[in-house]
C-alpha atoms as a PDB file:
ATOM      1  CA  MET A   1       0.000   0.000   0.000  1.00  0.00           C
ATOM      2  CA  THR A   2       1.524   3.302  -1.057  1.00  0.00           C
ATOM      3  CA  ARG A   3       0.698   6.707   0.167  1.00  0.00           C
ATOM      4  CA  GLU A   4       1.496  10.038  -1.409  1.00  0.00           C
ATOM      5  CA  ASP A   5       3.979  10.658   1.443  1.00  0.00           C
ATOM      6  CA  ASP A   6       5.936   7.561   0.393  1.00  0.00           C
ATOM      7  CA  ASN A   7       7.211   9.489  -2.621  1.00  0.00           C
ATOM      8  CA  LEU A   8       8.988  11.985  -0.352  1.00  0.00           C
ATOM      9  CA  HIS A   9      12.578  11.050   0.350  1.00  0.00           C
ATOM     10  CA  PRO A  10      14.844  12.607   2.957  1.00  0.00           C
ATOM     11  CA  GLY A  11      16.378  15.732   1.493  1.00  0.00           C
ATOM     12  CA  HIS A  12      13.674  16.085  -1.196  1.00  0.00           C
ATOM     13  CA  GLU A  13      10.890  18.581  -0.716  1.00  0.00           C
ATOM     14  CA  HIS A  14       8.862  17.760  -3.817  1.00  0.00           C
ATOM     15  CA  ALA A  15       6.309  14.970  -3.983  1.00  0.00           C
ATOM     16  CA  GLY A  16       6.582  12.620  -6.915  1.00  0.00           C
ATOM     17  CA  GLU A  17      10.346  13.026  -7.347  1.00  0.00           C
ATOM     18  CA  HIS A  18      11.972   9.774  -8.434  1.00  0.00           C
ATOM     19  CA  HIS A  19      15.601   8.693  -8.292  1.00  0.00           C
ATOM     20  CA  GLY A  20      17.469   9.123 -11.556  1.00  0.00           C
ATOM     21  CA  GLU A  21      15.071  11.744 -12.920  1.00  0.00           C
ATOM     22  CA  VAL A  22      16.490  14.721 -11.059  1.00  0.00           C
ATOM     23  CA  ALA A  23      17.074  17.654 -13.403  1.00  0.00           C
ATOM     24  CA  PRO A  24      20.319  19.609 -13.069  1.00  0.00           C
ATOM     25  CA  PRO A  25      20.022  22.998 -11.373  1.00  0.00           C
ATOM     26  CA  PRO A  26      19.031  25.830 -13.766  1.00  0.00           C
ATOM     27  CA  ALA A  27      22.421  27.528 -13.351  1.00  0.00           C
ATOM     28  CA  ARG A  28      24.225  24.406 -14.575  1.00  0.00           C
ATOM     29  CA  VAL A  29      21.906  24.134 -17.590  1.00  0.00           C
ATOM     30  CA  ALA A  30      22.660  27.758 -18.508  1.00  0.00           C
ATOM     31  CA  GLU A  31      26.412  27.144 -18.121  1.00  0.00           C
ATOM     32  CA  GLU A  32      26.249  24.078 -20.365  1.00  0.00           C
ATOM     33  CA  LYS A  33      24.337  25.968 -23.066  1.00  0.00           C
ATOM     34  CA  ALA A  34      26.815  28.853 -22.876  1.00  0.00           C
ATOM     35  CA  ALA A  35      29.708  26.412 -23.284  1.00  0.00           C
ATOM     36  CA  GLU A  36      28.078  24.881 -26.362  1.00  0.00           C
ATOM     37  CA  GLN A  37      27.520  28.196 -28.156  1.00  0.00           C
ATOM     38  CA  PRO A  38      30.362  30.714 -28.001  1.00  0.00           C
ATOM     39  CA  ARG A  39      28.814  34.119 -27.434  1.00  0.00           C
ATOM     40  CA  LYS A  40      30.148  37.130 -29.282  1.00  0.00           C
ATOM     41  CA  LYS A  41      30.589  40.242 -27.164  1.00  0.00           C
ATOM     42  CA  ALA A  42      28.696  43.271 -28.355  1.00  0.00           C
ATOM     43  CA  ARG A  43      30.934  46.175 -29.253  1.00  0.00           C
ATOM     44  CA  ARG A  44      29.966  49.322 -27.386  1.00  0.00           C
ATOM     45  CA  GLY A  45      31.216  52.874 -27.104  1.00  0.00           C
ATOM     46  CA  PHE A  46      34.443  53.692 -28.954  1.00  0.00           C
ATOM     47  CA  ALA A  47      34.864  50.067 -30.033  1.00  0.00           C
ATOM     48  CA  ALA A  48      31.599  50.200 -31.980  1.00  0.00           C
ATOM     49  CA  MET A  49      32.712  53.294 -33.928  1.00  0.00           C
ATOM     50  CA  SER A  50      34.676  53.308 -37.138  1.00  0.00           C
ATOM     51  CA  PRO A  51      38.395  54.139 -36.821  1.00  0.00           C
ATOM     52  CA  GLU A  52      37.734  57.430 -38.623  1.00  0.00           C
ATOM     53  CA  LYS A  53      35.073  58.451 -36.091  1.00  0.00           C
ATOM     54  CA  GLN A  54      37.347  57.453 -33.183  1.00  0.00           C
ATOM     55  CA  ARG A  55      40.172  59.566 -34.648  1.00  0.00           C
ATOM     56  CA  GLU A  56      37.832  62.542 -35.104  1.00  0.00           C
ATOM     57  CA  ILE A  57      36.630  62.429 -31.484  1.00  0.00           C
ATOM     58  CA  ALA A  58      40.156  61.942 -30.116  1.00  0.00           C
ATOM     59  CA  SER A  59      41.355  64.870 -32.196  1.00  0.00           C
ATOM     60  CA  LEU A  60      38.656  67.114 -30.741  1.00  0.00           C
ATOM     61  CA  GLY A  61      39.727  66.075 -27.250  1.00  0.00           C
ATOM     62  CA  GLY A  62      43.352  66.890 -27.983  1.00  0.00           C
ATOM     63  CA  LYS A  63      42.471  70.279 -29.450  1.00  0.00           C
ATOM     64  CA  ALA A  64      40.324  71.090 -26.420  1.00  0.00           C
ATOM     65  CA  ALA A  65      43.154  70.123 -24.028  1.00  0.00           C
ATOM     66  CA  HIS A  66      45.604  72.355 -25.894  1.00  0.00           C
ATOM     67  CA  ALA A  67      43.124  75.252 -25.899  1.00  0.00           C
ATOM     68  CA  LYS A  68      42.549  74.806 -22.167  1.00  0.00           C
ATOM     69  CA  GLY A  69      46.290  74.605 -21.507  1.00  0.00           C
ATOM     70  CA  THR A  70      46.176  71.175 -19.878  1.00  0.00           C
ATOM     71  CA  ALA A  71      47.727  69.196 -22.743  1.00  0.00           C
ATOM     72  CA  HIS A  72      51.198  67.762 -22.223  1.00  0.00           C
ATOM     73  CA  GLU A  73      53.864  68.775 -24.691  1.00  0.00           C
ATOM     74  CA  PHE A  74      57.040  66.723 -24.792  1.00  0.00           C
ATOM     75  CA  SER A  75      60.342  68.501 -24.398  1.00  0.00           C
ATOM     76  CA  PRO A  76      63.209  67.215 -26.570  1.00  0.00           C
ATOM     77  CA  GLU A  77      64.629  65.391 -23.522  1.00  0.00           C
ATOM     78  CA  GLU A  78      61.319  63.683 -22.755  1.00  0.00           C
ATOM     79  CA  ALA A  79      60.898  62.669 -26.390  1.00  0.00           C
ATOM     80  CA  ARG A  80      64.411  61.206 -26.455  1.00  0.00           C
ATOM     81  CA  GLU A  81      63.730  59.212 -23.262  1.00  0.00           C
ATOM     82  CA  ALA A  82      60.417  57.899 -24.610  1.00  0.00           C
ATOM     83  CA  GLY A  83      62.080  56.816 -27.856  1.00  0.00           C
ATOM     84  CA  ARG A  84      64.854  55.046 -25.963  1.00  0.00           C
ATOM     85  CA  LYS A  85      62.354  53.140 -23.813  1.00  0.00           C
ATOM     86  CA  GLY A  86      60.310  52.170 -26.874  1.00  0.00           C
ATOM     87  CA  GLY A  87      63.403  50.893 -28.629  1.00  0.00           C
ATOM     88  CA  GLN A  88      64.389  48.790 -25.633  1.00  0.00           C
ATOM     89  CA  ALA A  89      60.885  47.290 -25.389  1.00  0.00           C
ATOM     90  CA  ALA A  90      60.886  46.440 -29.099  1.00  0.00           C
ATOM     91  CA  GLN A  91      64.297  44.813 -28.827  1.00  0.00           C
ATOM     92  CA  ARG A  92      63.159  42.680 -25.870  1.00  0.00           C
ATOM     93  CA  ALA A  93      60.056  41.628 -27.800  1.00  0.00           C
ATOM     94  CA  ARG A  94      62.151  40.579 -30.810  1.00  0.00           C
ATOM     95  CA  GLN A  95      64.487  38.548 -28.600  1.00  0.00           C
ATOM     96  CA  ALA A  96      61.536  36.782 -26.954  1.00  0.00           C
ATOM     97  CA  LYS A  97      60.122  35.538 -30.282  1.00  0.00           C
ATOM     98  CA  PRO A  98      61.043  32.041 -31.455  1.00  0.00           C
ATOM     99  CA  GLU A  99      63.718  31.958 -34.156  1.00  0.00           C
ATOM    100  CA  GLU A 100      61.375  30.303 -36.690  1.00  0.00           C
ATOM    101  CA  ALA A 101      59.379  33.542 -36.903  1.00  0.00           C
ATOM    102  CA  GLU A 102      62.424  35.314 -38.343  1.00  0.00           C
ATOM    103  CA  ILE A 103      62.659  33.226 -41.527  1.00  0.00           C
ATOM    104  CA  PRO A 104      63.101  35.624 -44.470  1.00  0.00           C
ATOM    105  CA  THR A 105      60.316  35.623 -47.026  1.00  0.00           C
ATOM    106  CA  LYS A 106      60.703  35.923 -50.796  1.00  0.00           C
ATOM    107  CA  HIS A 107      59.054  38.881 -52.467  1.00  0.00           C
END
């Protein structure tokens, strides 16, 4: 003789739940679906604009900073130092690359 209460098992709050038919939690289902279909990030803000539009807006910002007097202008010494640091970084990057990448190509 079975009663409706017989379907309740310790740790289960829902009547009629049977072993082996337990659905995964909704969060896990969403994670599995996300893993199956790679989702493309939507481009927003500057990233969504064309390079020309980005350049135009950046130019306006630079002009405004110069007009306001808050723009930085490199002195010859600062420019020399920046160039030296850039050259060192580029040299380190070239040395870090595998030698196969430096195979000359025919034109």
